[in-house]
PDB file of N, CA and C in Angstrom:
ATOM      1  N   UNK A   1      19.392  -4.960   2.891  1.00  0.00           N
ATOM      2  CA  UNK A   1      17.846  -4.835   2.458  1.00  0.00           C
ATOM      3  C   UNK A   1      17.116  -5.298   3.977  1.00  0.00           C
ATOM      4  N   UNK A   2      16.288  -4.622   4.336  1.00  0.00           N
ATOM      5  CA  UNK A   2      15.240  -5.334   5.512  1.00  0.00           C
ATOM      6  C   UNK A   2      14.194  -5.949   4.921  1.00  0.00           C
ATOM      7  N   UNK A   3      14.079  -6.893   5.876  1.00  0.00           N
ATOM      8  CA  UNK A   3      12.491  -7.727   5.652  1.00  0.00           C
ATOM      9  C   UNK A   3      11.438  -6.577   6.231  1.00  0.00           C
ATOM     10  N   UNK A   4       9.925  -7.276   5.776  1.00  0.00           N
ATOM     11  CA  UNK A   4       8.767  -6.835   6.004  1.00  0.00           C
ATOM     12  C   UNK A   4       7.710  -7.602   6.252  1.00  0.00           C
ATOM     13  N   UNK A   5       6.924  -8.048   7.374  1.00  0.00           N
ATOM     14  CA  UNK A   5       6.297  -8.508   7.628  1.00  0.00           C
ATOM     15  C   UNK A   5       4.771  -8.395   6.755  1.00  0.00           C
ATOM     16  N   UNK A   6       4.397  -9.699   5.811  1.00  0.00           N
ATOM     17  CA  UNK A   6       3.529  -9.517   4.721  1.00  0.00           C
ATOM     18  C   UNK A   6       1.831  -9.456   5.620  1.00  0.00           C
ATOM     19  N   UNK A   7       1.427  -7.981   6.121  1.00  0.00           N
ATOM     20  CA  UNK A   7       0.604  -8.056   7.116  1.00  0.00           C
ATOM     21  C   UNK A   7      -0.778  -7.911   6.326  1.00  0.00           C
ATOM     22  N   UNK A   8      -2.034  -7.639   6.509  1.00  0.00           N
ATOM     23  CA  UNK A   8      -2.953  -7.391   5.581  1.00  0.00           C
ATOM     24  C   UNK A   8      -2.811  -5.936   5.099  1.00  0.00           C
ATOM     25  N   UNK A   9      -2.587  -4.845   6.011  1.00  0.00           N
ATOM     26  CA  UNK A   9      -2.044  -3.499   5.764  1.00  0.00           C
ATOM     27  C   UNK A   9      -1.150  -3.600   4.807  1.00  0.00           C
ATOM     28  N   UNK A  10       0.037  -4.524   4.846  1.00  0.00           N
ATOM     29  CA  UNK A  10       1.130  -3.895   4.001  1.00  0.00           C
ATOM     30  C   UNK A  10       0.423  -4.740   2.652  1.00  0.00           C
ATOM     31  N   UNK A  11      -0.159  -5.549   2.915  1.00  0.00           N
ATOM     32  CA  UNK A  11      -0.692  -6.357   1.152  1.00  0.00           C
ATOM     33  C   UNK A  11      -1.503  -5.463   0.717  1.00  0.00           C
ATOM     34  N   UNK A  12      -1.901  -4.643   1.108  1.00  0.00           N
ATOM     35  CA  UNK A  12      -3.265  -4.048   0.619  1.00  0.00           C
ATOM     36  C   UNK A  12      -2.296  -2.485   0.228  1.00  0.00           C
ATOM     37  N   UNK A  13      -1.402  -2.334   0.418  1.00  0.00           N
ATOM     38  CA  UNK A  13      -0.868  -0.997   0.069  1.00  0.00           C
ATOM     39  C   UNK A  13       0.361  -1.748  -0.698  1.00  0.00           C
ATOM     40  N   UNK A  14       1.046  -2.744  -1.013  1.00  0.00           N
ATOM     41  CA  UNK A  14       1.827  -3.146  -2.054  1.00  0.00           C
ATOM     42  C   UNK A  14       0.828  -3.322  -3.390  1.00  0.00           C
ATOM     43  N   UNK A  15      -0.107  -4.137  -2.871  1.00  0.00           N
ATOM     44  CA  UNK A  15      -1.210  -4.190  -3.894  1.00  0.00           C
ATOM     45  C   UNK A  15      -2.087  -3.049  -4.605  1.00  0.00           C
ATOM     46  N   UNK A  16      -1.731  -1.416  -4.177  1.00  0.00           N
ATOM     47  CA  UNK A  16      -2.402  -0.783  -4.458  1.00  0.00           C
ATOM     48  C   UNK A  16      -1.301  -0.139  -5.467  1.00  0.00           C
ATOM     49  N   UNK A  17       0.013  -0.013  -4.995  1.00  0.00           N
ATOM     50  CA  UNK A  17       1.024   0.706  -5.981  1.00  0.00           C
ATOM     51  C   UNK A  17       1.462  -0.096  -7.046  1.00  0.00           C
ATOM     52  N   UNK A  18       0.954  -1.462  -7.067  1.00  0.00           N
ATOM     53  CA  UNK A  18       1.001  -2.129  -8.080  1.00  0.00           C
ATOM     54  C   UNK A  18       0.382  -1.722  -8.756  1.00  0.00           C
ATOM     55  N   UNK A  19      -0.990  -1.785  -8.609  1.00  0.00           N
ATOM     56  CA  UNK A  19      -1.993  -1.614  -9.682  1.00  0.00           C
ATOM     57  C   UNK A  19      -2.416   0.206 -10.088  1.00  0.00           C
ATOM     58  N   UNK A  20      -1.263   0.828  -9.726  1.00  0.00           N
ATOM     59  CA  UNK A  20      -0.956   2.154  -9.936  1.00  0.00           C
ATOM     60  C   UNK A  20      -1.267   3.392  -9.482  1.00  0.00           C
ATOM     61  N   UNK A  21      -1.665   3.023  -8.362  1.00  0.00           N
ATOM     62  CA  UNK A  21      -2.127   4.417  -7.221  1.00  0.00           C
ATOM     63  C   UNK A  21      -0.709   4.788  -6.799  1.00  0.00           C
ATOM     64  N   UNK A  22      -0.041   5.737  -7.213  1.00  0.00           N
ATOM     65  CA  UNK A  22       1.574   6.625  -7.145  1.00  0.00           C
ATOM     66  C   UNK A  22       1.504   6.825  -6.049  1.00  0.00           C
ATOM     67  N   UNK A  23       0.421   8.004  -5.413  1.00  0.00           N
ATOM     68  CA  UNK A  23       1.208   8.971  -4.405  1.00  0.00           C
ATOM     69  C   UNK A  23      -0.078   8.734  -3.117  1.00  0.00           C
ATOM     70  N   UNK A  24       0.826   8.875  -1.865  1.00  0.00           N
ATOM     71  CA  UNK A  24       0.243   8.349  -0.709  1.00  0.00           C
ATOM     72  C   UNK A  24      -1.524   8.565  -0.678  1.00  0.00           C
ATOM     73  N   UNK A  25      -1.599   9.665  -0.749  1.00  0.00           N
ATOM     74  CA  UNK A  25      -3.282  10.090  -0.420  1.00  0.00           C
ATOM     75  C   UNK A  25      -3.953   8.982  -1.703  1.00  0.00           C
ATOM     76  N   UNK A  26      -3.781   8.668  -2.929  1.00  0.00           N
ATOM     77  CA  UNK A  26      -4.228   7.695  -3.732  1.00  0.00           C
ATOM     78  C   UNK A  26      -4.346   6.759  -3.084  1.00  0.00           C
ATOM     79  N   UNK A  27      -3.403   6.079  -2.616  1.00  0.00           N
ATOM     80  CA  UNK A  27      -2.849   4.829  -1.685  1.00  0.00           C
ATOM     81  C   UNK A  27      -4.038   4.769  -0.702  1.00  0.00           C
ATOM     82  N   UNK A  28      -4.203   5.823   0.286  1.00  0.00           N
ATOM     83  CA  UNK A  28      -5.280   5.626   1.189  1.00  0.00           C
ATOM     84  C   UNK A  28      -6.850   5.603   0.475  1.00  0.00           C
ATOM     85  N   UNK A  29      -7.170   6.395  -0.275  1.00  0.00           N
ATOM     86  CA  UNK A  29      -8.313   6.260  -0.835  1.00  0.00           C
ATOM     87  C   UNK A  29      -8.596   4.611  -1.992  1.00  0.00           C
ATOM     88  N   UNK A  30      -7.682   4.463  -2.153  1.00  0.00           N
ATOM     89  CA  UNK A  30      -7.999   2.889  -2.558  1.00  0.00           C
ATOM     90  C   UNK A  30      -7.892   1.777  -1.923  1.00  0.00           C
ATOM     91  N   UNK A  31      -7.407   1.949  -0.892  1.00  0.00           N
ATOM     92  CA  UNK A  31      -7.348   1.214   0.493  1.00  0.00           C
ATOM     93  C   UNK A  31      -8.353   1.361   1.389  1.00  0.00           C
ATOM     94  N   UNK A  32      -8.805   2.404   1.373  1.00  0.00           N
ATOM     95  CA  UNK A  32      -9.696   2.532   2.617  1.00  0.00           C
ATOM     96  C   UNK A  32      -9.362   2.951   4.235  1.00  0.00           C
ATOM     97  N   UNK A  33      -8.074   3.766   3.920  1.00  0.00           N
ATOM     98  CA  UNK A  33      -7.077   3.411   5.091  1.00  0.00           C
ATOM     99  C   UNK A  33      -6.958   4.707   5.565  1.00  0.00           C
ATOM    100  N   UNK A  34      -6.661   4.903   7.127  1.00  0.00           N
ATOM    101  CA  UNK A  34      -6.386   6.221   6.835  1.00  0.00           C
ATOM    102  C   UNK A  34      -4.817   6.707   6.826  1.00  0.00           C
ATOM    103  N   UNK A  35      -4.325   7.901   6.884  1.00  0.00           N
ATOM    104  CA  UNK A  35      -2.835   8.609   6.527  1.00  0.00           C
ATOM    105  C   UNK A  35      -2.111   7.916   7.018  1.00  0.00           C
ATOM    106  N   UNK A  36      -2.283   7.987   8.841  1.00  0.00           N
ATOM    107  CA  UNK A  36      -1.739   7.155   9.674  1.00  0.00           C
ATOM    108  C   UNK A  36      -1.438   5.883   9.658  1.00  0.00           C
ATOM    109  N   UNK A  37      -2.185   5.004   8.510  1.00  0.00           N
ATOM    110  CA  UNK A  37      -2.282   3.701   8.678  1.00  0.00           C
ATOM    111  C   UNK A  37      -0.799   3.605   7.408  1.00  0.00           C
ATOM    112  N   UNK A  38      -1.708   4.168   6.269  1.00  0.00           N
ATOM    113  CA  UNK A  38      -0.857   4.004   4.934  1.00  0.00           C
ATOM    114  C   UNK A  38       0.921   4.457   5.133  1.00  0.00           C
ATOM    115  N   UNK A  39       1.087   5.975   5.517  1.00  0.00           N
ATOM    116  CA  UNK A  39       2.048   6.415   5.529  1.00  0.00           C
ATOM    117  C   UNK A  39       3.319   5.651   6.126  1.00  0.00           C
ATOM    118  N   UNK A  40       3.261   5.040   7.464  1.00  0.00           N
ATOM    119  CA  UNK A  40       4.197   4.341   7.983  1.00  0.00           C
ATOM    120  C   UNK A  40       4.495   2.897   7.059  1.00  0.00           C
ATOM    121  N   UNK A  41       3.243   2.666   6.479  1.00  0.00           N
ATOM    122  CA  UNK A  41       3.402   0.890   5.546  1.00  0.00           C
ATOM    123  C   UNK A  41       4.396   1.381   4.503  1.00  0.00           C
ATOM    124  N   UNK A  42       3.954   2.550   3.686  1.00  0.00           N
ATOM    125  CA  UNK A  42       4.967   2.747   2.664  1.00  0.00           C
ATOM    126  C   UNK A  42       6.296   3.120   2.815  1.00  0.00           C
ATOM    127  N   UNK A  43       6.520   3.333   4.429  1.00  0.00           N
ATOM    128  CA  UNK A  43       7.663   3.597   4.750  1.00  0.00           C
ATOM    129  C   UNK A  43       8.615   2.130   4.885  1.00  0.00           C
ATOM    130  N   UNK A  44       7.646   1.320   5.602  1.00  0.00           N
ATOM    131  CA  UNK A  44       8.064   0.212   5.922  1.00  0.00           C
ATOM    132  C   UNK A  44       8.362  -0.901   4.568  1.00  0.00           C
ATOM    133  N   UNK A  45       7.391  -0.220   3.589  1.00  0.00           N
ATOM    134  CA  UNK A  45       7.807  -1.595   2.163  1.00  0.00           C
ATOM    135  C   UNK A  45       8.989  -0.369   1.552  1.00  0.00           C
ATOM    136  N   UNK A  46       9.105   0.889   1.942  1.00  0.00           N
ATOM    137  CA  UNK A  46      10.314   1.228   1.176  1.00  0.00           C
ATOM    138  C   UNK A  46      11.787   0.737   1.566  1.00  0.00           C
ATOM    139  N   UNK A  47      11.791   0.670   2.851  1.00  0.00           N
ATOM    140  CA  UNK A  47      12.789   0.165   3.872  1.00  0.00           C
ATOM    141  C   UNK A  47      12.942  -0.947   3.570  1.00  0.00           C
ATOM    142  N   UNK A  48      11.958  -1.677   3.067  1.00  0.00           N
ATOM    143  CA  UNK A  48      12.588  -3.295   2.947  1.00  0.00           C
ATOM    144  C   UNK A  48      12.840  -3.610   1.244  1.00  0.00           C
ATOM    145  N   UNK A  49      13.035  -2.425   0.337  1.00  0.00           N
ATOM    146  CA  UNK A  49      13.251  -2.858  -0.453  1.00  0.00           C
ATOM    147  C   UNK A  49      11.956  -3.160  -1.492  1.00  0.00           C
ATOM    148  N   UNK A  50      10.694  -3.099  -1.189  1.00  0.00           N
ATOM    149  CA  UNK A  50       9.801  -3.424  -2.086  1.00  0.00           C
ATOM    150  C   UNK A  50       9.523  -2.258  -2.985  1.00  0.00           C
ATOM    151  N   UNK A  51       9.504  -1.046  -2.691  1.00  0.00           N
ATOM    152  CA  UNK A  51       8.993   0.332  -3.077  1.00  0.00           C
ATOM    153  C   UNK A  51      10.180   1.302  -3.148  1.00  0.00           C
ATOM    154  N   UNK A  52      10.273   1.641  -3.906  1.00  0.00           N
ATOM    155  CA  UNK A  52      11.167   3.080  -4.288  1.00  0.00           C
ATOM    156  C   UNK A  52      10.407   4.786  -4.042  1.00  0.00           C
ATOM    157  N   UNK A  53      10.766   5.201  -3.822  1.00  0.00           N
ATOM    158  CA  UNK A  53       9.674   6.310  -4.172  1.00  0.00           C
ATOM    159  C   UNK A  53      10.589   7.891  -4.316  1.00  0.00           C
ATOM    160  N   UNK A  54      10.126   8.828  -5.335  1.00  0.00           N
ATOM    161  CA  UNK A  54      10.889  10.095  -5.350  1.00  0.00           C
ATOM    162  C   UNK A  54      10.308  11.152  -5.233  1.00  0.00           C
ATOM    163  N   UNK A  55      10.292  12.186  -4.925  1.00  0.00           N
ATOM    164  CA  UNK A  55       9.828  13.822  -4.865  1.00  0.00           C
ATOM    165  C   UNK A  55       9.715  14.563  -6.471  1.00  0.00           C
ATOM    166  N   UNK A  56       8.154  14.633  -6.643  1.00  0.00           N
ATOM    167  CA  UNK A  56       8.565  15.333  -7.683  1.00  0.00           C
ATOM    168  C   UNK A  56       9.166  16.829  -7.474  1.00  0.00           C
ATOM    169  N   UNK A  57       9.575  17.242  -8.726  1.00  0.00           N
ATOM    170  CA  UNK A  57      10.462  18.432  -8.670  1.00  0.00           C
ATOM    171  C   UNK A  57       9.350  19.802  -7.966  1.00  0.00           C
ATOM    172  N   UNK A  58       9.928  20.560  -7.490  1.00  0.00           N
ATOM    173  CA  UNK A  58       8.802  21.805  -7.021  1.00  0.00           C
ATOM    174  C   UNK A  58       8.792  22.348  -8.034  1.00  0.00           C
ATOM    175  N   UNK A  59       9.304  22.926  -9.414  1.00  0.00           N
ATOM    176  CA  UNK A  59       8.554  23.895 -10.287  1.00  0.00           C
ATOM    177  C   UNK A  59       7.601  23.616 -10.930  1.00  0.00           C
ATOM    178  N   UNK A  60       6.979  21.730 -11.400  1.00  0.00           N
ATOM    179  CA  UNK A  60       6.113  21.191 -11.309  1.00  0.00           C
ATOM    180  C   UNK A  60       5.265  21.437 -10.568  1.00  0.00           C
ATOM    181  N   UNK A  61       5.373  21.285  -9.295  1.00  0.00           N
ATOM    182  CA  UNK A  61       4.135  21.113  -8.039  1.00  0.00           C
ATOM    183  C   UNK A  61       3.443  22.390  -8.134  1.00  0.00           C
ATOM    184  N   UNK A  62       4.250  23.641  -8.539  1.00  0.00           N
ATOM    185  CA  UNK A  62       4.165  24.701  -8.262  1.00  0.00           C
ATOM    186  C   UNK A  62       3.072  25.166  -9.408  1.00  0.00           C
ATOM    187  N   UNK A  63       3.886  24.763 -10.423  1.00  0.00           N
ATOM    188  CA  UNK A  63       2.945  24.945 -11.324  1.00  0.00           C
ATOM    189  C   UNK A  63       1.528  24.408 -11.665  1.00  0.00           C
ATOM    190  N   UNK A  64       1.414  23.266 -10.899  1.00  0.00           N
ATOM    191  CA  UNK A  64       0.432  22.795 -10.565  1.00  0.00           C
ATOM    192  C   UNK A  64      -0.814  23.583  -9.403  1.00  0.00           C
ATOM    193  N   UNK A  65      -0.162  24.437  -8.355  1.00  0.00           N
ATOM    194  CA  UNK A  65      -0.478  24.984  -7.449  1.00  0.00           C
ATOM    195  C   UNK A  65      -0.942  23.899  -6.425  1.00  0.00           C
ATOM    196  N   UNK A  66      -0.032  23.300  -6.096  1.00  0.00           N
ATOM    197  CA  UNK A  66      -0.287  22.413  -4.888  1.00  0.00           C
ATOM    198  C   UNK A  66       1.438  21.920  -4.114  1.00  0.00           C
ATOM    199  N   UNK A  67       1.625  21.359  -3.377  1.00  0.00           N
ATOM    200  CA  UNK A  67       2.450  20.593  -2.485  1.00  0.00           C
ATOM    201  C   UNK A  67       3.677  19.924  -3.609  1.00  0.00           C
ATOM    202  N   UNK A  68       4.465  19.461  -3.433  1.00  0.00           N
ATOM    203  CA  UNK A  68       4.983  18.738  -3.853  1.00  0.00           C
ATOM    204  C   UNK A  68       4.774  17.076  -3.191  1.00  0.00           C
ATOM    205  N   UNK A  69       4.489  16.401  -4.342  1.00  0.00           N
ATOM    206  CA  UNK A  69       4.244  14.788  -4.229  1.00  0.00           C
ATOM    207  C   UNK A  69       5.317  14.015  -4.172  1.00  0.00           C
ATOM    208  N   UNK A  70       5.162  12.934  -3.243  1.00  0.00           N
ATOM    209  CA  UNK A  70       6.093  12.196  -3.707  1.00  0.00           C
ATOM    210  C   UNK A  70       5.244  10.887  -4.296  1.00  0.00           C
ATOM    211  N   UNK A  71       6.199  10.200  -5.338  1.00  0.00           N
ATOM    212  CA  UNK A  71       5.746   9.052  -6.191  1.00  0.00           C
ATOM    213  C   UNK A  71       6.378   8.083  -5.532  1.00  0.00           C
ATOM    214  N   UNK A  72       5.602   7.076  -5.340  1.00  0.00           N
ATOM    215  CA  UNK A  72       5.734   5.489  -5.184  1.00  0.00           C
ATOM    216  C   UNK A  72       5.746   4.472  -6.210  1.00  0.00           C
ATOM    217  N   UNK A  73       6.388   3.363  -6.544  1.00  0.00           N
ATOM    218  CA  UNK A  73       6.617   2.817  -7.713  1.00  0.00           C
ATOM    219  C   UNK A  73       7.593   1.260  -6.987  1.00  0.00           C
ATOM    220  N   UNK A  74       7.022   0.045  -7.826  1.00  0.00           N
ATOM    221  CA  UNK A  74       7.812  -0.860  -7.144  1.00  0.00           C
ATOM    222  C   UNK A  74       9.031  -1.415  -7.771  1.00  0.00           C
ATOM    223  N   UNK A  75       9.514  -1.646  -6.678  1.00  0.00           N
ATOM    224  CA  UNK A  75      10.803  -2.088  -7.547  1.00  0.00           C
ATOM    225  C   UNK A  75      10.743  -3.902  -7.864  1.00  0.00           C
ATOM    226  N   UNK A  76      11.857  -4.550  -8.197  1.00  0.00           N
ATOM    227  CA  UNK A  76      11.779  -5.776  -9.027  1.00  0.00           C
ATOM    228  C   UNK A  76      11.888  -7.134  -7.440  1.00  0.00           C
ATOM    229  N   UNK A  77      12.076  -6.904  -6.009  1.00  0.00           N
ATOM    230  CA  UNK A  77      11.681  -7.183  -5.469  1.00  0.00           C
ATOM    231  C   UNK A  77      10.018  -7.072  -5.109  1.00  0.00           C
ATOM    232  N   UNK A  78       9.655  -5.671  -5.336  1.00  0.00           N
ATOM    233  CA  UNK A  78       8.517  -5.697  -4.789  1.00  0.00           C
ATOM    234  C   UNK A  78       7.291  -6.441  -5.685  1.00  0.00           C
ATOM    235  N   UNK A  79       8.098  -6.559  -6.735  1.00  0.00           N
ATOM    236  CA  UNK A  79       7.237  -7.557  -7.894  1.00  0.00           C
ATOM    237  C   UNK A  79       7.231  -8.735  -7.921  1.00  0.00           C
ATOM    238  N   UNK A  80       7.945  -9.175  -6.956  1.00  0.00           N
ATOM    239  CA  UNK A  80       8.403 -10.587  -6.485  1.00  0.00           C
ATOM    240  C   UNK A  80       7.723 -11.232  -5.778  1.00  0.00           C
ATOM    241  N   UNK A  81       7.261 -10.071  -4.806  1.00  0.00           N
ATOM    242  CA  UNK A  81       6.544 -10.079  -3.128  1.00  0.00           C
ATOM    243  C   UNK A  81       5.061  -9.968  -3.755  1.00  0.00           C
ATOM    244  N   UNK A  82       4.409  -9.831  -4.524  1.00  0.00           N
ATOM    245  CA  UNK A  82       3.023  -9.172  -4.722  1.00  0.00           C
ATOM    246  C   UNK A  82       2.329 -10.642  -5.020  1.00  0.00           C
ATOM    247  N   UNK A  83       2.763 -12.036  -5.008  1.00  0.00           N
ATOM    248  CA  UNK A  83       1.917 -13.608  -4.953  1.00  0.00           C
ATOM    249  C   UNK A  83       2.335 -13.332  -3.516  1.00  0.00           C
ATOM    250  N   UNK A  84       3.073 -13.199  -2.698  1.00  0.00           N
ATOM    251  CA  UNK A  84       2.402 -13.587  -1.281  1.00  0.00           C
ATOM    252  C   UNK A  84       1.099 -12.363  -1.015  1.00  0.00           C
ATOM    253  N   UNK A  85       1.834 -10.971  -0.995  1.00  0.00           N
ATOM    254  CA  UNK A  85       0.538  -9.897  -0.944  1.00  0.00           C
ATOM    255  C   UNK A  85      -0.794 -11.164  -0.918  1.00  0.00           C
ATOM    256  N   UNK A  86      -0.987 -11.100  -2.366  1.00  0.00           N
ATOM    257  CA  UNK A  86      -2.260 -11.419  -3.263  1.00  0.00           C
ATOM    258  C   UNK A  86      -2.733 -13.154  -2.130  1.00  0.00           C
ATOM    259  N   UNK A  87      -1.967 -13.538  -1.582  1.00  0.00           N
ATOM    260  CA  UNK A  87      -2.182 -14.727  -0.605  1.00  0.00           C
ATOM    261  C   UNK A  87      -2.565 -14.409   0.273  1.00  0.00           C
ATOM    262  N   UNK A  88      -2.183 -13.310   1.093  1.00  0.00           N
ATOM    263  CA  UNK A  88      -2.446 -13.020   2.426  1.00  0.00           C
ATOM    264  C   UNK A  88      -3.580 -12.245   2.116  1.00  0.00           C
ATOM    265  N   UNK A  89      -4.423 -11.610   1.104  1.00  0.00           N
ATOM    266  CA  UNK A  89      -5.527 -11.016   0.972  1.00  0.00           C
ATOM    267  C   UNK A  89      -6.637 -12.092   0.847  1.00  0.00           C
ATOM    268  N   UNK A  90      -6.031 -13.267  -0.016  1.00  0.00           N
ATOM    269  CA  UNK A  90      -7.033 -14.079  -0.307  1.00  0.00           C
ATOM    270  C   UNK A  90      -7.463 -15.017   1.085  1.00  0.00           C
ATOM    271  N   UNK A  91      -6.594 -14.842   1.903  1.00  0.00           N
ATOM    272  CA  UNK A  91      -6.595 -15.587   3.341  1.00  0.00           C
ATOM    273  C   UNK A  91      -7.326 -15.415   4.026  1.00  0.00           C
ATOM    274  N   UNK A  92      -7.379 -13.619   4.294  1.00  0.00           N
ATOM    275  CA  UNK A  92      -8.660 -12.567   4.799  1.00  0.00           C
ATOM    276  C   UNK A  92      -9.333 -12.499   4.245  1.00  0.00           C
ATOM    277  N   UNK A  93      -9.877 -12.595   2.839  1.00  0.00           N
ATOM    278  CA  UNK A  93     -11.335 -12.792   2.526  1.00  0.00           C
ATOM    279  C   UNK A  93     -11.813 -13.895   2.759  1.00  0.00           C
ATOM    280  N   UNK A  94     -11.040 -14.937   3.060  1.00  0.00           N
ATOM    281  CA  UNK A  94     -11.748 -16.292   3.023  1.00  0.00           C
ATOM    282  C   UNK A  94     -11.685 -16.638   4.353  1.00  0.00           C
ATOM    283  N   UNK A  95     -11.119 -16.010   5.304  1.00  0.00           N
ATOM    284  CA  UNK A  95     -11.678 -16.427   6.762  1.00  0.00           C
ATOM    285  C   UNK A  95     -13.001 -15.499   7.138  1.00  0.00           C
ATOM    286  N   UNK A  96     -12.710 -14.436   6.648  1.00  0.00           N
ATOM    287  CA  UNK A  96     -13.612 -13.079   7.003  1.00  0.00           C
ATOM    288  C   UNK A  96     -15.326 -14.012   6.189  1.00  0.00           C
ATOM    289  N   UNK A  97     -15.188 -14.730   5.127  1.00  0.00           N
ATOM    290  CA  UNK A  97     -16.435 -15.163   4.463  1.00  0.00           C
ATOM    291  C   UNK A  97     -16.696 -16.629   5.173  1.00  0.00           C
ATOM    292  N   UNK A  98     -15.830 -17.342   6.009  1.00  0.00           N
ATOM    293  CA  UNK A  98     -16.577 -17.957   6.552  1.00  0.00           C
ATOM    294  C   UNK A  98     -16.764 -17.880   7.807  1.00  0.00           C
ATOM    295  N   UNK A  99     -16.871 -16.724   8.099  1.00  0.00           N
ATOM    296  CA  UNK A  99     -17.407 -16.154   9.879  1.00  0.00           C
ATOM    297  C   UNK A  99     -19.027 -16.104   9.472  1.00  0.00           C
ATOM    298  N   UNK A 100     -19.733 -16.579  10.652  1.00  0.00           N
ATOM    299  CA  UNK A 100     -21.068 -16.773  10.521  1.00  0.00           C
ATOM    300  C   UNK A 100     -21.350 -15.093  10.354  1.00  0.00           C
ATOM    301  N   UNK A 101     -22.724 -14.525   9.776  1.00  0.00           N
ATOM    302  CA  UNK A 101     -23.329 -13.818   9.320  1.00  0.00           C
ATOM    303  C   UNK A 101     -23.181 -12.474  10.718  1.00  0.00           C
ATOM    304  N   UNK A 102     -23.727 -13.169  11.975  1.00  0.00           N
ATOM    305  CA  UNK A 102     -24.176 -12.623  12.883  1.00  0.00           C
ATOM    306  C   UNK A 102     -22.542 -12.209  13.369  1.00  0.00           C
ATOM    307  N   UNK A 103     -21.444 -12.977  13.284  1.00  0.00           N
ATOM    308  CA  UNK A 103     -20.164 -12.521  13.597  1.00  0.00           C
ATOM    309  C   UNK A 103     -19.430 -11.287  12.806  1.00  0.00           C
ATOM    310  N   UNK A 104     -19.818 -11.206  11.397  1.00  0.00           N
ATOM    311  CA  UNK A 104     -19.403 -10.331  10.401  1.00  0.00           C
ATOM    312  C   UNK A 104     -20.135  -9.038  11.210  1.00  0.00           C
ATOM    313  N   UNK A 105     -21.423  -9.083  11.326  1.00  0.00           N
ATOM    314  CA  UNK A 105     -22.408  -7.791  11.689  1.00  0.00           C
ATOM    315  C   UNK A 105     -21.393  -7.422  12.677  1.00  0.00           C
ATOM    316  N   UNK A 106     -21.221  -7.926  13.578  1.00  0.00           N
ATOM    317  CA  UNK A 106     -20.541  -7.247  14.737  1.00  0.00           C
ATOM    318  C   UNK A 106     -18.827  -6.697  15.048  1.00  0.00           C
ATOM    319  N   UNK A 107     -18.161  -7.245  14.043  1.00  0.00           N
ATOM    320  CA  UNK A 107     -16.893  -6.466  13.746  1.00  0.00           C
ATOM    321  C   UNK A 107     -16.919  -5.536  13.455  1.00  0.00           C
TER     322      UNK A 107
END
């Protein structure tokens, strides 16, 4: 199992999947991030063993009139990594709140 650096992006994506956002597009909307950011993070998290994924059945997708979707879900290791992700996001919120207002507006 590979390791993954817990960046703000990986922490956001991991938390979104933990909150029940199962599909890449749903994770994009929940995190307010583009596909070029979310899908690589999902692949890194899966490679590290924090997420698993599976493709939905083609017949079900066809019956719903859409392409197949890949479903992401947390592994046991992913659940154990959640506190680290929450700490990372909490640190980012704290750092942003410590910036003077003029610095936040320029960012």
